[in-house]
């Protein structure tokens, strides 16, 4: 296991890049990242008023049944 630290913007960029790949190939990885990231963003939002919410961050993530 590897633990990496990234800003919300970096994670959104990673997810955006993954979303351009075949959905079949990356959907599990995208969900795993989101599962780990959303609670962290929510915790940071609760302690830092004025930042974007976890839902806003999740909405910015392109995802879908795209195949390539």
PDB file of N, CA and C in Angstrom:
ATOM      1  N   UNK A   1       0.841  -1.175   0.000  1.00  0.00           N
ATOM      2  CA  UNK A   1       0.000   0.000   0.000  1.00  0.00           C
ATOM      3  C   UNK A   1       0.887   1.240   0.000  1.00  0.00           C
ATOM      4  N   UNK A   2       0.443   2.258  -0.725  1.00  0.00           N
ATOM      5  CA  UNK A   2       1.146   3.534  -0.802  1.00  0.00           C
ATOM      6  C   UNK A   2       0.177   4.637  -0.403  1.00  0.00           C
ATOM      7  N   UNK A   3       0.629   5.561   0.405  1.00  0.00           N
ATOM      8  CA  UNK A   3      -0.187   6.712   0.784  1.00  0.00           C
ATOM      9  C   UNK A   3       0.380   7.938   0.084  1.00  0.00           C
ATOM     10  N   UNK A   4      -0.463   8.623  -0.684  1.00  0.00           N
ATOM     11  CA  UNK A   4      -0.066   9.824  -1.412  1.00  0.00           C
ATOM     12  C   UNK A   4      -0.883  11.001  -0.908  1.00  0.00           C
ATOM     13  N   UNK A   5      -0.318  12.183  -0.939  1.00  0.00           N
ATOM     14  CA  UNK A   5      -1.036  13.394  -0.541  1.00  0.00           C
ATOM     15  C   UNK A   5      -1.142  14.328  -1.739  1.00  0.00           C
ATOM     16  N   UNK A   6      -2.369  14.780  -2.016  1.00  0.00           N
ATOM     17  CA  UNK A   6      -2.613  15.687  -3.135  1.00  0.00           C
ATOM     18  C   UNK A   6      -3.653  16.722  -2.735  1.00  0.00           C
ATOM     19  N   UNK A   7      -3.615  17.864  -3.394  1.00  0.00           N
ATOM     20  CA  UNK A   7      -4.656  18.870  -3.179  1.00  0.00           C
ATOM     21  C   UNK A   7      -5.934  18.399  -3.862  1.00  0.00           C
ATOM     22  N   UNK A   8      -7.047  19.022  -3.510  1.00  0.00           N
ATOM     23  CA  UNK A   8      -8.315  18.698  -4.144  1.00  0.00           C
ATOM     24  C   UNK A   8      -8.232  18.923  -5.651  1.00  0.00           C
ATOM     25  N   UNK A   9      -7.560  19.992  -6.042  1.00  0.00           N
ATOM     26  CA  UNK A   9      -7.413  20.284  -7.464  1.00  0.00           C
ATOM     27  C   UNK A   9      -6.619  19.190  -8.178  1.00  0.00           C
ATOM     28  N   UNK A  10      -5.578  18.694  -7.534  1.00  0.00           N
ATOM     29  CA  UNK A  10      -4.772  17.621  -8.124  1.00  0.00           C
ATOM     30  C   UNK A  10      -5.582  16.330  -8.256  1.00  0.00           C
ATOM     31  N   UNK A  11      -6.354  16.011  -7.232  1.00  0.00           N
ATOM     32  CA  UNK A  11      -7.180  14.808  -7.281  1.00  0.00           C
ATOM     33  C   UNK A  11      -8.220  14.929  -8.388  1.00  0.00           C
ATOM     34  N   UNK A  12      -8.830  16.106  -8.515  1.00  0.00           N
ATOM     35  CA  UNK A  12      -9.797  16.307  -9.592  1.00  0.00           C
ATOM     36  C   UNK A  12      -9.136  16.165 -10.962  1.00  0.00           C
ATOM     37  N   UNK A  13      -7.904  16.622 -11.096  1.00  0.00           N
ATOM     38  CA  UNK A  13      -7.175  16.468 -12.357  1.00  0.00           C
ATOM     39  C   UNK A  13      -6.892  14.986 -12.643  1.00  0.00           C
ATOM     40  N   UNK A  14      -6.491  14.262 -11.617  1.00  0.00           N
ATOM     41  CA  UNK A  14      -6.246  12.820 -11.773  1.00  0.00           C
ATOM     42  C   UNK A  14      -7.531  12.116 -12.198  1.00  0.00           C
ATOM     43  N   UNK A  15      -8.647  12.424 -11.521  1.00  0.00           N
ATOM     44  CA  UNK A  15      -9.918  11.795 -11.856  1.00  0.00           C
ATOM     45  C   UNK A  15     -10.374  12.172 -13.261  1.00  0.00           C
ATOM     46  N   UNK A  16     -10.153  13.421 -13.640  1.00  0.00           N
ATOM     47  CA  UNK A  16     -10.507  13.872 -14.983  1.00  0.00           C
ATOM     48  C   UNK A  16      -9.706  13.107 -16.035  1.00  0.00           C
ATOM     49  N   UNK A  17      -8.433  12.913 -15.767  1.00  0.00           N
ATOM     50  CA  UNK A  17      -7.580  12.172 -16.697  1.00  0.00           C
ATOM     51  C   UNK A  17      -8.001  10.705 -16.780  1.00  0.00           C
ATOM     52  N   UNK A  18      -8.331  10.111 -15.649  1.00  0.00           N
ATOM     53  CA  UNK A  18      -8.791   8.726 -15.648  1.00  0.00           C
ATOM     54  C   UNK A  18     -10.104   8.582 -16.410  1.00  0.00           C
ATOM     55  N   UNK A  19     -10.977   9.577 -16.287  1.00  0.00           N
ATOM     56  CA  UNK A  19     -12.286   9.516 -16.938  1.00  0.00           C
ATOM     57  C   UNK A  19     -12.179   9.503 -18.457  1.00  0.00           C
ATOM     58  N   UNK A  20     -11.048   9.903 -18.998  1.00  0.00           N
ATOM     59  CA  UNK A  20     -10.839   9.885 -20.443  1.00  0.00           C
ATOM     60  C   UNK A  20     -10.464   8.489 -20.950  1.00  0.00           C
ATOM     61  N   UNK A  21     -10.180   7.592 -20.007  1.00  0.00           N
ATOM     62  CA  UNK A  21      -9.815   6.225 -20.369  1.00  0.00           C
ATOM     63  C   UNK A  21     -11.081   5.367 -20.476  1.00  0.00           C
ATOM     64  N   UNK A  22     -10.917   4.148 -20.898  1.00  0.00           N
ATOM     65  CA  UNK A  22     -12.033   3.215 -20.978  1.00  0.00           C
ATOM     66  C   UNK A  22     -12.653   3.042 -19.593  1.00  0.00           C
ATOM     67  N   UNK A  23     -13.967   3.243 -19.514  1.00  0.00           N
ATOM     68  CA  UNK A  23     -14.679   3.122 -18.243  1.00  0.00           C
ATOM     69  C   UNK A  23     -14.430   1.751 -17.619  1.00  0.00           C
ATOM     70  N   UNK A  24     -14.477   0.727 -18.435  1.00  0.00           N
ATOM     71  CA  UNK A  24     -14.266  -0.637 -17.955  1.00  0.00           C
ATOM     72  C   UNK A  24     -12.918  -0.789 -17.257  1.00  0.00           C
ATOM     73  N   UNK A  25     -11.915  -0.065 -17.741  1.00  0.00           N
ATOM     74  CA  UNK A  25     -10.563  -0.162 -17.198  1.00  0.00           C
ATOM     75  C   UNK A  25     -10.396   0.587 -15.885  1.00  0.00           C
ATOM     76  N   UNK A  26     -11.049   1.753 -15.745  1.00  0.00           N
ATOM     77  CA  UNK A  26     -10.722   2.643 -14.618  1.00  0.00           C
ATOM     78  C   UNK A  26     -11.846   2.875 -13.615  1.00  0.00           C
ATOM     79  N   UNK A  27     -13.059   2.374 -13.859  1.00  0.00           N
ATOM     80  CA  UNK A  27     -14.166   2.724 -12.976  1.00  0.00           C
ATOM     81  C   UNK A  27     -13.947   2.321 -11.523  1.00  0.00           C
ATOM     82  N   UNK A  28     -13.330   1.163 -11.288  1.00  0.00           N
ATOM     83  CA  UNK A  28     -13.092   0.734  -9.909  1.00  0.00           C
ATOM     84  C   UNK A  28     -12.089   1.652  -9.210  1.00  0.00           C
ATOM     85  N   UNK A  29     -11.067   2.079  -9.923  1.00  0.00           N
ATOM     86  CA  UNK A  29     -10.073   2.986  -9.359  1.00  0.00           C
ATOM     87  C   UNK A  29     -10.692   4.348  -9.050  1.00  0.00           C
ATOM     88  N   UNK A  30     -11.522   4.855  -9.962  1.00  0.00           N
ATOM     89  CA  UNK A  30     -12.200   6.137  -9.739  1.00  0.00           C
ATOM     90  C   UNK A  30     -13.062   6.059  -8.486  1.00  0.00           C
ATOM     91  N   UNK A  31     -13.824   4.994  -8.345  1.00  0.00           N
ATOM     92  CA  UNK A  31     -14.685   4.839  -7.169  1.00  0.00           C
ATOM     93  C   UNK A  31     -13.869   4.710  -5.887  1.00  0.00           C
ATOM     94  N   UNK A  32     -12.751   4.018  -5.951  1.00  0.00           N
ATOM     95  CA  UNK A  32     -11.898   3.858  -4.767  1.00  0.00           C
ATOM     96  C   UNK A  32     -11.332   5.211  -4.328  1.00  0.00           C
ATOM     97  N   UNK A  33     -10.893   6.005  -5.291  1.00  0.00           N
ATOM     98  CA  UNK A  33     -10.375   7.348  -4.972  1.00  0.00           C
ATOM     99  C   UNK A  33     -11.481   8.195  -4.351  1.00  0.00           C
ATOM    100  N   UNK A  34     -12.659   8.183  -4.962  1.00  0.00           N
ATOM    101  CA  UNK A  34     -13.771   8.983  -4.449  1.00  0.00           C
ATOM    102  C   UNK A  34     -14.196   8.524  -3.050  1.00  0.00           C
ATOM    103  N   UNK A  35     -14.219   7.208  -2.831  1.00  0.00           N
ATOM    104  CA  UNK A  35     -14.599   6.662  -1.526  1.00  0.00           C
ATOM    105  C   UNK A  35     -13.662   7.154  -0.425  1.00  0.00           C
ATOM    106  N   UNK A  36     -12.379   7.257  -0.742  1.00  0.00           N
ATOM    107  CA  UNK A  36     -11.404   7.720   0.239  1.00  0.00           C
ATOM    108  C   UNK A  36     -11.384   9.239   0.356  1.00  0.00           C
ATOM    109  N   UNK A  37     -11.625   9.938  -0.748  1.00  0.00           N
ATOM    110  CA  UNK A  37     -11.481  11.393  -0.763  1.00  0.00           C
ATOM    111  C   UNK A  37     -12.672  12.130  -0.157  1.00  0.00           C
ATOM    112  N   UNK A  38     -13.889  11.674  -0.435  1.00  0.00           N
ATOM    113  CA  UNK A  38     -15.076  12.413   0.008  1.00  0.00           C
ATOM    114  C   UNK A  38     -15.107  12.626   1.525  1.00  0.00           C
ATOM    115  N   UNK A  39     -14.886  11.599   2.353  1.00  0.00           N
ATOM    116  CA  UNK A  39     -14.894  11.847   3.807  1.00  0.00           C
ATOM    117  C   UNK A  39     -13.812  12.835   4.247  1.00  0.00           C
ATOM    118  N   UNK A  40     -12.658  12.810   3.586  1.00  0.00           N
ATOM    119  CA  UNK A  40     -11.586  13.741   3.940  1.00  0.00           C
ATOM    120  C   UNK A  40     -11.970  15.170   3.594  1.00  0.00           C
ATOM    121  N   UNK A  41     -12.575  15.351   2.418  1.00  0.00           N
ATOM    122  CA  UNK A  41     -12.998  16.687   2.004  1.00  0.00           C
ATOM    123  C   UNK A  41     -14.094  17.193   2.936  1.00  0.00           C
ATOM    124  N   UNK A  42     -15.021  16.308   3.299  1.00  0.00           N
ATOM    125  CA  UNK A  42     -16.089  16.691   4.224  1.00  0.00           C
ATOM    126  C   UNK A  42     -15.517  17.109   5.577  1.00  0.00           C
ATOM    127  N   UNK A  43     -14.526  16.371   6.072  1.00  0.00           N
ATOM    128  CA  UNK A  43     -13.905  16.707   7.350  1.00  0.00           C
ATOM    129  C   UNK A  43     -13.186  18.050   7.270  1.00  0.00           C
ATOM    130  N   UNK A  44     -12.491  18.292   6.158  1.00  0.00           N
ATOM    131  CA  UNK A  44     -11.798  19.566   5.978  1.00  0.00           C
ATOM    132  C   UNK A  44     -12.781  20.715   5.828  1.00  0.00           C
ATOM    133  N   UNK A  45     -13.899  20.475   5.181  1.00  0.00           N
ATOM    134  CA  UNK A  45     -14.914  21.509   5.005  1.00  0.00           C
ATOM    135  C   UNK A  45     -15.530  21.880   6.347  1.00  0.00           C
ATOM    136  N   UNK A  46     -15.723  20.897   7.201  1.00  0.00           N
ATOM    137  CA  UNK A  46     -16.307  21.146   8.514  1.00  0.00           C
ATOM    138  C   UNK A  46     -15.385  22.007   9.375  1.00  0.00           C
ATOM    139  N   UNK A  47     -14.083  21.880   9.179  1.00  0.00           N
ATOM    140  CA  UNK A  47     -13.132  22.646   9.981  1.00  0.00           C
ATOM    141  C   UNK A  47     -12.670  23.923   9.299  1.00  0.00           C
ATOM    142  N   UNK A  48     -12.941  24.057   7.994  1.00  0.00           N
ATOM    143  CA  UNK A  48     -12.501  25.233   7.238  1.00  0.00           C
ATOM    144  C   UNK A  48     -13.666  25.847   6.477  1.00  0.00           C
ATOM    145  N   UNK A  49     -14.444  26.721   7.115  1.00  0.00           N
ATOM    146  CA  UNK A  49     -15.567  27.325   6.399  1.00  0.00           C
ATOM    147  C   UNK A  49     -15.084  28.150   5.209  1.00  0.00           C
ATOM    148  N   UNK A  50     -15.912  28.183   4.162  1.00  0.00           N
ATOM    149  CA  UNK A  50     -15.568  28.972   2.986  1.00  0.00           C
ATOM    150  C   UNK A  50     -14.873  28.188   1.893  1.00  0.00           C
ATOM    151  N   UNK A  51     -14.651  26.884   2.111  1.00  0.00           N
ATOM    152  CA  UNK A  51     -14.042  26.073   1.070  1.00  0.00           C
ATOM    153  C   UNK A  51     -15.135  25.325   0.330  1.00  0.00           C
ATOM    154  N   UNK A  52     -14.805  24.745  -0.801  1.00  0.00           N
ATOM    155  CA  UNK A  52     -15.806  24.018  -1.567  1.00  0.00           C
ATOM    156  C   UNK A  52     -16.212  22.768  -0.809  1.00  0.00           C
ATOM    157  N   UNK A  53     -17.451  22.351  -1.016  1.00  0.00           N
ATOM    158  CA  UNK A  53     -17.962  21.180  -0.322  1.00  0.00           C
ATOM    159  C   UNK A  53     -17.551  19.918  -1.048  1.00  0.00           C
ATOM    160  N   UNK A  54     -17.690  18.810  -0.366  1.00  0.00           N
ATOM    161  CA  UNK A  54     -17.346  17.524  -0.970  1.00  0.00           C
ATOM    162  C   UNK A  54     -18.227  17.255  -2.179  1.00  0.00           C
ATOM    163  N   UNK A  55     -19.503  17.619  -2.094  1.00  0.00           N
ATOM    164  CA  UNK A  55     -20.398  17.385  -3.215  1.00  0.00           C
ATOM    165  C   UNK A  55     -19.962  18.202  -4.423  1.00  0.00           C
ATOM    166  N   UNK A  56     -19.550  19.453  -4.207  1.00  0.00           N
ATOM    167  CA  UNK A  56     -19.074  20.269  -5.319  1.00  0.00           C
ATOM    168  C   UNK A  56     -17.853  19.625  -5.954  1.00  0.00           C
ATOM    169  N   UNK A  57     -16.941  19.095  -5.140  1.00  0.00           N
ATOM    170  CA  UNK A  57     -15.764  18.428  -5.666  1.00  0.00           C
ATOM    171  C   UNK A  57     -16.132  17.181  -6.451  1.00  0.00           C
ATOM    172  N   UNK A  58     -17.113  16.445  -5.942  1.00  0.00           N
ATOM    173  CA  UNK A  58     -17.548  15.240  -6.642  1.00  0.00           C
ATOM    174  C   UNK A  58     -18.240  15.586  -7.949  1.00  0.00           C
ATOM    175  N   UNK A  59     -19.006  16.686  -7.964  1.00  0.00           N
ATOM    176  CA  UNK A  59     -19.704  17.094  -9.179  1.00  0.00           C
ATOM    177  C   UNK A  59     -18.741  17.509 -10.270  1.00  0.00           C
ATOM    178  N   UNK A  60     -17.557  17.975  -9.916  1.00  0.00           N
ATOM    179  CA  UNK A  60     -16.585  18.427 -10.900  1.00  0.00           C
ATOM    180  C   UNK A  60     -15.880  17.261 -11.585  1.00  0.00           C
ATOM    181  N   UNK A  61     -16.064  16.076 -11.041  1.00  0.00           N
ATOM    182  CA  UNK A  61     -15.371  14.913 -11.567  1.00  0.00           C
ATOM    183  C   UNK A  61     -16.133  14.330 -12.736  1.00  0.00           C
ATOM    184  N   UNK A  62     -15.574  14.408 -13.944  1.00  0.00           N
ATOM    185  CA  UNK A  62     -16.268  13.799 -15.077  1.00  0.00           C
ATOM    186  C   UNK A  62     -16.248  12.286 -14.946  1.00  0.00           C
ATOM    187  N   UNK A  63     -17.378  11.697 -15.178  1.00  0.00           N
ATOM    188  CA  UNK A  63     -17.467  10.252 -15.062  1.00  0.00           C
ATOM    189  C   UNK A  63     -18.612   9.793 -15.940  1.00  0.00           C
ATOM    190  N   UNK A  64     -18.588   8.585 -16.303  1.00  0.00           N
ATOM    191  CA  UNK A  64     -19.700   8.071 -17.083  1.00  0.00           C
ATOM    192  C   UNK A  64     -19.317   6.805 -17.792  1.00  0.00           C
ATOM    193  N   UNK A  65     -20.204   6.359 -18.611  1.00  0.00           N
ATOM    194  CA  UNK A  65     -20.008   5.108 -19.307  1.00  0.00           C
ATOM    195  C   UNK A  65     -19.240   5.268 -20.599  1.00  0.00           C
ATOM    196  N   UNK A  66     -18.288   6.156 -20.604  1.00  0.00           N
ATOM    197  CA  UNK A  66     -17.506   6.375 -21.819  1.00  0.00           C
ATOM    198  C   UNK A  66     -16.599   5.195 -22.068  1.00  0.00           C
ATOM    199  N   UNK A  67     -16.527   4.777 -23.273  1.00  0.00           N
ATOM    200  CA  UNK A  67     -15.566   3.741 -23.605  1.00  0.00           C
ATOM    201  C   UNK A  67     -14.681   4.255 -24.718  1.00  0.00           C
ATOM    202  N   UNK A  68     -13.447   3.843 -24.691  1.00  0.00           N
ATOM    203  CA  UNK A  68     -12.546   4.412 -25.662  1.00  0.00           C
ATOM    204  C   UNK A  68     -11.698   3.467 -26.360  1.00  0.00           C
TER     205      UNK A  68
END
